[in-house]
Amino acid sequence: MPESRTKRSDALRNQQTLLSAAAEVFVTSGVDAPIRQIAAKAGVGVGTFYRHFPTRADLITAVYRHQIEECAEAGPTLLASTETPFEALRRWIDMFTDFLVTKHGLADALRSDDTTFTALHAYFLDRLGPVATQLIEAAVAAGDIRSDISAYELMRGVGNLCVGRDLDPRYEPRRLIAVLLDGLRAPR
């Protein structure tokens, strides 16, 4: 019995190590990075990799589900710890933008026809939409921003501004996202 528990904890540790390695590799090499590169970064063999993640889509889904959770959990924390609801929204949008633009290919993968990514996109919206709504409603109630934007529109707008960054190094989506956020400010 203890031996099987050890195997389970080793397997879980390997999986977590692979997820961490994949997240790091995705930042530098994109979601299409070679599996061997991810396995090497994790210090495991390719066979171990495939035991945990039979397909690339399985890996991407696992990595991004974890990161979606981090982004979702950050919203209420920011709302409680920042000076204004607008500042909480701005910081959350910065985190959301980092999530999208530092993961080369994520925005494109989420827009693909692959059923795995379709489910991930739905999870993405289900988890992050309510957080964005909470932040927007707090900023509206404080008089910081206009009331005519939905969470979906804001998230979609930011996501669309992030698409294509990898194709043109002169393009900096964060600058345009700052313009978008300035445009949300309530008239004073």
C-alpha atoms as a PDB file:
ATOM      1  CA  MET A   1       0.000   0.000   0.000  1.00  0.00           C
ATOM      2  CA  PRO A   2       2.687   2.616   0.865  1.00  0.00           C
ATOM      3  CA  GLU A   3       4.423   1.855  -2.458  1.00  0.00           C
ATOM      4  CA  SER A   4       1.316   2.809  -4.485  1.00  0.00           C
ATOM      5  CA  ARG A   5       0.971   6.034  -2.457  1.00  0.00           C
ATOM      6  CA  THR A   6       4.587   6.823  -3.268  1.00  0.00           C
ATOM      7  CA  LYS A   7       3.939   6.215  -6.948  1.00  0.00           C
ATOM      8  CA  ARG A   8       0.902   8.473  -6.814  1.00  0.00           C
ATOM      9  CA  SER A   9       2.822  11.264  -5.110  1.00  0.00           C
ATOM     10  CA  ASP A  10       5.698  10.817  -7.574  1.00  0.00           C
ATOM     11  CA  ALA A  11       3.249  10.904 -10.465  1.00  0.00           C
ATOM     12  CA  LEU A  12       1.606  14.033  -9.069  1.00  0.00           C
ATOM     13  CA  ARG A  13       4.994  15.657  -8.535  1.00  0.00           C
ATOM     14  CA  ASN A  14       6.011  14.781 -12.119  1.00  0.00           C
ATOM     15  CA  GLN A  15       2.762  16.229 -13.430  1.00  0.00           C
ATOM     16  CA  GLN A  16       3.237  19.477 -11.492  1.00  0.00           C
ATOM     17  CA  THR A  17       6.862  19.679 -12.646  1.00  0.00           C
ATOM     18  CA  LEU A  18       5.738  19.192 -16.250  1.00  0.00           C
ATOM     19  CA  LEU A  19       3.062  21.872 -15.913  1.00  0.00           C
ATOM     20  CA  SER A  20       5.574  24.358 -14.477  1.00  0.00           C
ATOM     21  CA  ALA A  21       8.122  23.542 -17.162  1.00  0.00           C
ATOM     22  CA  ALA A  22       5.519  23.826 -19.914  1.00  0.00           C
ATOM     23  CA  ALA A  23       4.336  27.201 -18.625  1.00  0.00           C
ATOM     24  CA  GLU A  24       7.927  28.500 -18.682  1.00  0.00           C
ATOM     25  CA  VAL A  25       8.630  27.079 -22.123  1.00  0.00           C
ATOM     26  CA  PHE A  26       5.365  28.508 -23.507  1.00  0.00           C
ATOM     27  CA  VAL A  27       6.517  31.992 -22.476  1.00  0.00           C
ATOM     28  CA  THR A  28       9.711  31.747 -24.510  1.00  0.00           C
ATOM     29  CA  SER A  29       8.828  29.325 -27.302  1.00  0.00           C
ATOM     30  CA  GLY A  30       5.038  29.372 -27.561  1.00  0.00           C
ATOM     31  CA  VAL A  31       2.441  26.639 -27.265  1.00  0.00           C
ATOM     32  CA  ASP A  32       3.958  24.807 -30.243  1.00  0.00           C
ATOM     33  CA  ALA A  33       7.282  24.253 -28.445  1.00  0.00           C
ATOM     34  CA  PRO A  34       8.757  20.781 -28.943  1.00  0.00           C
ATOM     35  CA  ILE A  35       7.638  18.227 -26.371  1.00  0.00           C
ATOM     36  CA  ARG A  36      11.284  17.194 -25.904  1.00  0.00           C
ATOM     37  CA  GLN A  37      12.092  20.754 -24.794  1.00  0.00           C
ATOM     38  CA  ILE A  38       9.354  20.670 -22.155  1.00  0.00           C
ATOM     39  CA  ALA A  39      10.324  17.192 -20.935  1.00  0.00           C
ATOM     40  CA  ALA A  40      13.998  18.219 -20.727  1.00  0.00           C
ATOM     41  CA  LYS A  41      13.114  21.370 -18.779  1.00  0.00           C
ATOM     42  CA  ALA A  42      11.102  19.193 -16.372  1.00  0.00           C
ATOM     43  CA  GLY A  43      13.903  16.642 -16.094  1.00  0.00           C
ATOM     44  CA  VAL A  44      11.718  13.743 -17.235  1.00  0.00           C
ATOM     45  CA  GLY A  45      11.625  11.520 -20.269  1.00  0.00           C
ATOM     46  CA  VAL A  46       9.281  11.986 -23.206  1.00  0.00           C
ATOM     47  CA  GLY A  47       7.477   8.775 -22.187  1.00  0.00           C
ATOM     48  CA  THR A  48       6.689  10.268 -18.786  1.00  0.00           C
ATOM     49  CA  PHE A  49       5.429  13.370 -20.525  1.00  0.00           C
ATOM     50  CA  TYR A  50       3.035  11.377 -22.710  1.00  0.00           C
ATOM     51  CA  ARG A  51       1.771   9.331 -19.750  1.00  0.00           C
ATOM     52  CA  HIS A  52       0.568  12.561 -18.171  1.00  0.00           C
ATOM     53  CA  PHE A  53      -0.427  14.442 -21.307  1.00  0.00           C
ATOM     54  CA  PRO A  54      -1.264  12.154 -24.246  1.00  0.00           C
ATOM     55  CA  THR A  55      -1.797  15.151 -26.560  1.00  0.00           C
ATOM     56  CA  ARG A  56      -0.513  18.709 -26.810  1.00  0.00           C
ATOM     57  CA  ALA A  57      -4.075  19.879 -26.281  1.00  0.00           C
ATOM     58  CA  ASP A  58      -4.169  18.000 -22.939  1.00  0.00           C
ATOM     59  CA  LEU A  59      -1.014  19.819 -21.831  1.00  0.00           C
ATOM     60  CA  ILE A  60      -2.185  23.250 -22.950  1.00  0.00           C
ATOM     61  CA  THR A  61      -5.519  22.703 -21.242  1.00  0.00           C
ATOM     62  CA  ALA A  62      -3.885  21.681 -17.945  1.00  0.00           C
ATOM     63  CA  VAL A  63      -1.427  24.598 -17.970  1.00  0.00           C
ATOM     64  CA  TYR A  64      -4.040  27.174 -18.791  1.00  0.00           C
ATOM     65  CA  ARG A  65      -6.678  25.853 -16.408  1.00  0.00           C
ATOM     66  CA  HIS A  66      -4.191  26.404 -13.611  1.00  0.00           C
ATOM     67  CA  GLN A  67      -3.369  29.895 -14.854  1.00  0.00           C
ATOM     68  CA  ILE A  68      -7.038  30.761 -15.341  1.00  0.00           C
ATOM     69  CA  GLU A  69      -7.575  29.867 -11.689  1.00  0.00           C
ATOM     70  CA  GLU A  70      -4.751  32.186 -10.637  1.00  0.00           C
ATOM     71  CA  CYS A  71      -6.259  35.035 -12.640  1.00  0.00           C
ATOM     72  CA  ALA A  72      -9.733  34.346 -11.231  1.00  0.00           C
ATOM     73  CA  GLU A  73      -8.465  34.339  -7.665  1.00  0.00           C
ATOM     74  CA  ALA A  74      -6.583  37.609  -8.187  1.00  0.00           C
ATOM     75  CA  GLY A  75      -9.714  39.682  -8.916  1.00  0.00           C
ATOM     76  CA  PRO A  76     -11.253  39.716  -5.429  1.00  0.00           C
ATOM     77  CA  THR A  77      -7.816  40.077  -3.852  1.00  0.00           C
ATOM     78  CA  LEU A  78      -7.063  43.140  -5.980  1.00  0.00           C
ATOM     79  CA  LEU A  79     -10.468  44.631  -5.242  1.00  0.00           C
ATOM     80  CA  ALA A  80      -9.822  44.296  -1.511  1.00  0.00           C
ATOM     81  CA  SER A  81      -6.248  45.565  -1.599  1.00  0.00           C
ATOM     82  CA  THR A  82      -6.169  48.494  -4.044  1.00  0.00           C
ATOM     83  CA  GLU A  83      -7.043  52.111  -3.468  1.00  0.00           C
ATOM     84  CA  THR A  84      -9.868  52.269  -6.036  1.00  0.00           C
ATOM     85  CA  PRO A  85     -11.978  49.783  -7.956  1.00  0.00           C
ATOM     86  CA  PHE A  86     -10.606  51.234 -11.200  1.00  0.00           C
ATOM     87  CA  GLU A  87      -7.059  50.497 -10.041  1.00  0.00           C
ATOM     88  CA  ALA A  88      -8.123  46.926  -9.193  1.00  0.00           C
ATOM     89  CA  LEU A  89      -9.679  46.580 -12.657  1.00  0.00           C
ATOM     90  CA  ARG A  90      -6.572  48.036 -14.328  1.00  0.00           C
ATOM     91  CA  ARG A  91      -4.237  45.688 -12.454  1.00  0.00           C
ATOM     92  CA  TRP A  92      -6.465  42.711 -13.205  1.00  0.00           C
ATOM     93  CA  ILE A  93      -6.543  43.632 -16.901  1.00  0.00           C
ATOM     94  CA  ASP A  94      -2.715  43.871 -16.774  1.00  0.00           C
ATOM     95  CA  MET A  95      -2.611  40.351 -15.335  1.00  0.00           C
ATOM     96  CA  PHE A  96      -5.152  39.137 -17.889  1.00  0.00           C
ATOM     97  CA  THR A  97      -3.077  40.718 -20.677  1.00  0.00           C
ATOM     98  CA  ASP A  98       0.108  39.106 -19.373  1.00  0.00           C
ATOM     99  CA  PHE A  99      -1.727  35.793 -19.317  1.00  0.00           C
ATOM    100  CA  LEU A 100      -2.608  36.216 -22.992  1.00  0.00           C
ATOM    101  CA  VAL A 101       0.450  37.870 -24.526  1.00  0.00           C
ATOM    102  CA  THR A 102       3.210  36.021 -22.716  1.00  0.00           C
ATOM    103  CA  LYS A 103       1.802  32.691 -23.810  1.00  0.00           C
ATOM    104  CA  HIS A 104       2.600  32.793 -27.492  1.00  0.00           C
ATOM    105  CA  GLY A 105      -0.221  31.225 -29.430  1.00  0.00           C
ATOM    106  CA  LEU A 106      -2.764  31.075 -26.590  1.00  0.00           C
ATOM    107  CA  ALA A 107      -5.128  33.650 -28.049  1.00  0.00           C
ATOM    108  CA  ASP A 108      -5.019  31.878 -31.414  1.00  0.00           C
ATOM    109  CA  ALA A 109      -5.473  28.442 -29.800  1.00  0.00           C
ATOM    110  CA  LEU A 110      -8.506  29.650 -27.880  1.00  0.00           C
ATOM    111  CA  ARG A 111     -10.033  30.813 -31.151  1.00  0.00           C
ATOM    112  CA  SER A 112      -9.344  27.525 -32.963  1.00  0.00           C
ATOM    113  CA  ASP A 113     -11.933  24.907 -33.891  1.00  0.00           C
ATOM    114  CA  ASP A 114     -10.317  22.188 -31.762  1.00  0.00           C
ATOM    115  CA  THR A 115     -12.993  20.859 -29.378  1.00  0.00           C
ATOM    116  CA  THR A 116     -10.505  20.735 -26.508  1.00  0.00           C
ATOM    117  CA  PHE A 117      -9.772  24.424 -26.917  1.00  0.00           C
ATOM    118  CA  THR A 118     -13.479  25.168 -27.298  1.00  0.00           C
ATOM    119  CA  ALA A 119     -14.048  23.633 -23.852  1.00  0.00           C
ATOM    120  CA  LEU A 120     -11.066  25.577 -22.468  1.00  0.00           C
ATOM    121  CA  HIS A 121     -12.459  28.798 -23.911  1.00  0.00           C
ATOM    122  CA  ALA A 122     -15.815  28.104 -22.235  1.00  0.00           C
ATOM    123  CA  TYR A 123     -14.026  27.432 -18.924  1.00  0.00           C
ATOM    124  CA  PHE A 124     -12.008  30.614 -19.425  1.00  0.00           C
ATOM    125  CA  LEU A 125     -15.201  32.661 -19.849  1.00  0.00           C
ATOM    126  CA  ASP A 126     -17.065  30.866 -17.038  1.00  0.00           C
ATOM    127  CA  ARG A 127     -14.270  31.489 -14.520  1.00  0.00           C
ATOM    128  CA  LEU A 128     -13.048  34.929 -15.586  1.00  0.00           C
ATOM    129  CA  GLY A 129     -16.323  36.519 -16.710  1.00  0.00           C
ATOM    130  CA  PRO A 130     -17.776  36.765 -13.180  1.00  0.00           C
ATOM    131  CA  VAL A 131     -14.489  38.175 -11.867  1.00  0.00           C
ATOM    132  CA  ALA A 132     -14.424  40.836 -14.592  1.00  0.00           C
ATOM    133  CA  THR A 133     -18.096  41.580 -13.893  1.00  0.00           C
ATOM    134  CA  GLN A 134     -17.375  42.053 -10.184  1.00  0.00           C
ATOM    135  CA  LEU A 135     -14.502  44.429 -10.950  1.00  0.00           C
ATOM    136  CA  ILE A 136     -16.504  46.393 -13.525  1.00  0.00           C
ATOM    137  CA  GLU A 137     -19.547  46.696 -11.225  1.00  0.00           C
ATOM    138  CA  ALA A 138     -17.351  47.967  -8.381  1.00  0.00           C
ATOM    139  CA  ALA A 139     -15.707  50.544 -10.671  1.00  0.00           C
ATOM    140  CA  VAL A 140     -19.117  51.667 -12.003  1.00  0.00           C
ATOM    141  CA  ALA A 141     -20.516  51.946  -8.455  1.00  0.00           C
ATOM    142  CA  ALA A 142     -17.512  54.080  -7.471  1.00  0.00           C
ATOM    143  CA  GLY A 143     -18.115  56.348 -10.465  1.00  0.00           C
ATOM    144  CA  ASP A 144     -14.743  55.387 -11.944  1.00  0.00           C
ATOM    145  CA  ILE A 145     -15.948  54.011 -15.281  1.00  0.00           C
ATOM    146  CA  ARG A 146     -18.887  54.190 -17.644  1.00  0.00           C
ATOM    147  CA  SER A 147     -21.654  51.663 -17.144  1.00  0.00           C
ATOM    148  CA  ASP A 148     -22.076  50.603 -20.763  1.00  0.00           C
ATOM    149  CA  ILE A 149     -19.436  47.856 -20.992  1.00  0.00           C
ATOM    150  CA  SER A 150     -19.935  44.197 -20.210  1.00  0.00           C
ATOM    151  CA  ALA A 151     -17.289  41.851 -18.888  1.00  0.00           C
ATOM    152  CA  TYR A 152     -17.482  39.813 -22.073  1.00  0.00           C
ATOM    153  CA  GLU A 153     -16.962  42.887 -24.260  1.00  0.00           C
ATOM    154  CA  LEU A 154     -13.992  44.041 -22.210  1.00  0.00           C
ATOM    155  CA  MET A 155     -12.361  40.609 -22.109  1.00  0.00           C
ATOM    156  CA  ARG A 156     -13.000  40.073 -25.807  1.00  0.00           C
ATOM    157  CA  GLY A 157     -11.644  43.517 -26.644  1.00  0.00           C
ATOM    158  CA  VAL A 158      -8.467  42.925 -24.648  1.00  0.00           C
ATOM    159  CA  GLY A 159      -8.116  39.451 -26.172  1.00  0.00           C
ATOM    160  CA  ASN A 160      -8.525  40.790 -29.683  1.00  0.00           C
ATOM    161  CA  LEU A 161      -5.908  43.459 -29.025  1.00  0.00           C
ATOM    162  CA  CYS A 162      -3.513  40.693 -27.948  1.00  0.00           C
ATOM    163  CA  VAL A 163      -3.955  38.624 -31.122  1.00  0.00           C
ATOM    164  CA  GLY A 164      -1.184  39.139 -33.653  1.00  0.00           C
ATOM    165  CA  ARG A 165       1.468  40.387 -31.262  1.00  0.00           C
ATOM    166  CA  ASP A 166       3.706  37.483 -32.207  1.00  0.00           C
ATOM    167  CA  LEU A 167       3.512  38.393 -35.881  1.00  0.00           C
ATOM    168  CA  ASP A 168       4.789  41.959 -35.515  1.00  0.00           C
ATOM    169  CA  PRO A 169       7.378  42.903 -32.886  1.00  0.00           C
ATOM    170  CA  ARG A 170       6.508  46.589 -33.408  1.00  0.00           C
ATOM    171  CA  TYR A 171       2.996  45.971 -32.088  1.00  0.00           C
ATOM    172  CA  GLU A 172       2.514  46.462 -28.361  1.00  0.00           C
ATOM    173  CA  PRO A 173      -1.007  45.532 -27.274  1.00  0.00           C
ATOM    174  CA  ARG A 174      -0.529  46.898 -23.756  1.00  0.00           C
ATOM    175  CA  ARG A 175      -0.385  50.447 -25.094  1.00  0.00           C
ATOM    176  CA  LEU A 176      -3.719  50.053 -26.858  1.00  0.00           C
ATOM    177  CA  ILE A 177      -5.226  48.332 -23.838  1.00  0.00           C
ATOM    178  CA  ALA A 178      -4.250  51.381 -21.759  1.00  0.00           C
ATOM    179  CA  VAL A 179      -6.072  53.556 -24.309  1.00  0.00           C
ATOM    180  CA  LEU A 180      -9.096  51.249 -24.042  1.00  0.00           C
ATOM    181  CA  LEU A 181      -9.109  51.533 -20.244  1.00  0.00           C
ATOM    182  CA  ASP A 182      -8.749  55.330 -20.422  1.00  0.00           C
ATOM    183  CA  GLY A 183     -11.775  55.335 -22.734  1.00  0.00           C
ATOM    184  CA  LEU A 184     -13.791  53.529 -20.059  1.00  0.00           C
ATOM    185  CA  ARG A 185     -13.257  56.315 -17.525  1.00  0.00           C
ATOM    186  CA  ALA A 186     -16.459  58.035 -16.469  1.00  0.00           C
ATOM    187  CA  PRO A 187     -16.736  61.675 -17.515  1.00  0.00           C
ATOM    188  CA  ARG A 188     -15.853  63.970 -14.622  1.00  0.00           C
END
